[in-house]
Amino acid sequence: MYNPRWFKEDRLEFLQAEVQRLSFGTIVTSASSGLLASHVPMMLDLSAGGNGRLYGHVSRGNHQ
């Protein structure tokens, strides 16, 4: 994906804070029927690894 330099963000602390503040993400996949998108709750564990570890949950009933 093209990301123009004026939208680039490299500050790890800022990015981690935004992930924690928003606490959800969007998973998009392509299927034969078209695109599927699901909002997924996310949690960032800063104590795991150098950049942290991102956890998410998709319901079993979700068609994603």
C-alpha atoms as a PDB file:
ATOM      1  CA  MET A   1       0.000   0.000   0.000  1.00  0.00           C
ATOM      2  CA  TYR A   2       1.341   3.430  -0.925  1.00  0.00           C
ATOM      3  CA  ASN A   3       1.811   5.628   2.116  1.00  0.00           C
ATOM      4  CA  PRO A   4       2.783   9.246   1.319  1.00  0.00           C
ATOM      5  CA  ARG A   5       5.623  10.516   3.516  1.00  0.00           C
ATOM      6  CA  TRP A   6       3.441  13.249   5.040  1.00  0.00           C
ATOM      7  CA  PHE A   7       1.177  10.533   6.537  1.00  0.00           C
ATOM      8  CA  LYS A   8       4.069   8.388   7.774  1.00  0.00           C
ATOM      9  CA  GLU A   9       4.286   7.854  11.534  1.00  0.00           C
ATOM     10  CA  ASP A  10       7.437   6.264  13.015  1.00  0.00           C
ATOM     11  CA  ARG A  11       7.102   7.117  16.720  1.00  0.00           C
ATOM     12  CA  LEU A  12       6.530   3.728  18.359  1.00  0.00           C
ATOM     13  CA  GLU A  13       5.198   5.224  21.605  1.00  0.00           C
ATOM     14  CA  PHE A  14       2.610   7.264  19.696  1.00  0.00           C
ATOM     15  CA  LEU A  15       1.513   4.259  17.613  1.00  0.00           C
ATOM     16  CA  GLN A  16       1.191   2.060  20.714  1.00  0.00           C
ATOM     17  CA  ALA A  17      -0.845   4.732  22.508  1.00  0.00           C
ATOM     18  CA  GLU A  18      -3.220   5.008  19.535  1.00  0.00           C
ATOM     19  CA  VAL A  19      -3.740   1.235  19.400  1.00  0.00           C
ATOM     20  CA  GLN A  20      -4.558   1.246  23.118  1.00  0.00           C
ATOM     21  CA  ARG A  21      -6.861   4.255  22.770  1.00  0.00           C
ATOM     22  CA  LEU A  22      -8.834   2.869  19.820  1.00  0.00           C
ATOM     23  CA  SER A  23      -8.897  -0.754  21.080  1.00  0.00           C
ATOM     24  CA  PHE A  24     -10.354  -2.194  17.881  1.00  0.00           C
ATOM     25  CA  GLY A  25      -9.198  -2.984  14.383  1.00  0.00           C
ATOM     26  CA  THR A  26     -10.718  -3.968  11.063  1.00  0.00           C
ATOM     27  CA  ILE A  27      -9.888  -7.232   9.343  1.00  0.00           C
ATOM     28  CA  VAL A  28     -10.579  -7.240   5.607  1.00  0.00           C
ATOM     29  CA  THR A  29     -10.360 -10.370   3.471  1.00  0.00           C
ATOM     30  CA  SER A  30     -11.196 -11.109  -0.129  1.00  0.00           C
ATOM     31  CA  ALA A  31     -13.471 -14.046  -0.956  1.00  0.00           C
ATOM     32  CA  SER A  32     -15.118 -15.243  -4.151  1.00  0.00           C
ATOM     33  CA  SER A  33     -18.270 -13.414  -3.042  1.00  0.00           C
ATOM     34  CA  GLY A  34     -16.388 -10.140  -2.538  1.00  0.00           C
ATOM     35  CA  LEU A  35     -14.754  -8.322   0.354  1.00  0.00           C
ATOM     36  CA  LEU A  36     -15.531  -9.175   3.970  1.00  0.00           C
ATOM     37  CA  ALA A  37     -14.779  -6.720   6.770  1.00  0.00           C
ATOM     38  CA  SER A  38     -15.135  -7.222  10.505  1.00  0.00           C
ATOM     39  CA  HIS A  39     -14.453  -4.903  13.431  1.00  0.00           C
ATOM     40  CA  VAL A  40     -12.379  -6.806  15.959  1.00  0.00           C
ATOM     41  CA  PRO A  41     -11.653  -5.846  19.592  1.00  0.00           C
ATOM     42  CA  MET A  42      -7.903  -5.563  20.149  1.00  0.00           C
ATOM     43  CA  MET A  43      -5.626  -5.410  23.164  1.00  0.00           C
ATOM     44  CA  LEU A  44      -1.958  -4.420  23.103  1.00  0.00           C
ATOM     45  CA  ASP A  45       0.283  -6.119  25.687  1.00  0.00           C
ATOM     46  CA  LEU A  46       3.334  -3.863  25.993  1.00  0.00           C
ATOM     47  CA  SER A  47       5.121  -6.308  28.303  1.00  0.00           C
ATOM     48  CA  ALA A  48       5.460  -8.926  25.522  1.00  0.00           C
ATOM     49  CA  GLY A  49       8.360  -8.552  23.112  1.00  0.00           C
ATOM     50  CA  GLY A  50      10.117  -5.397  21.982  1.00  0.00           C
ATOM     51  CA  ASN A  51       7.102  -3.732  20.350  1.00  0.00           C
ATOM     52  CA  GLY A  52       4.393  -5.472  22.352  1.00  0.00           C
ATOM     53  CA  ARG A  53       1.940  -8.154  21.288  1.00  0.00           C
ATOM     54  CA  LEU A  54      -1.439  -7.460  19.704  1.00  0.00           C
ATOM     55  CA  TYR A  55      -4.352  -9.719  20.647  1.00  0.00           C
ATOM     56  CA  GLY A  56      -7.737  -9.785  18.956  1.00  0.00           C
ATOM     57  CA  HIS A  57     -10.935 -11.801  19.048  1.00  0.00           C
ATOM     58  CA  VAL A  58     -13.215 -12.942  16.243  1.00  0.00           C
ATOM     59  CA  SER A  59     -16.482 -14.605  17.215  1.00  0.00           C
ATOM     60  CA  ARG A  60     -16.982 -18.195  16.102  1.00  0.00           C
ATOM     61  CA  GLY A  61     -20.178 -17.125  14.337  1.00  0.00           C
ATOM     62  CA  ASN A  62     -18.356 -14.471  12.303  1.00  0.00           C
ATOM     63  CA  HIS A  63     -18.174 -15.380   8.599  1.00  0.00           C
ATOM     64  CA  GLN A  64     -14.715 -13.850   8.335  1.00  0.00           C
END
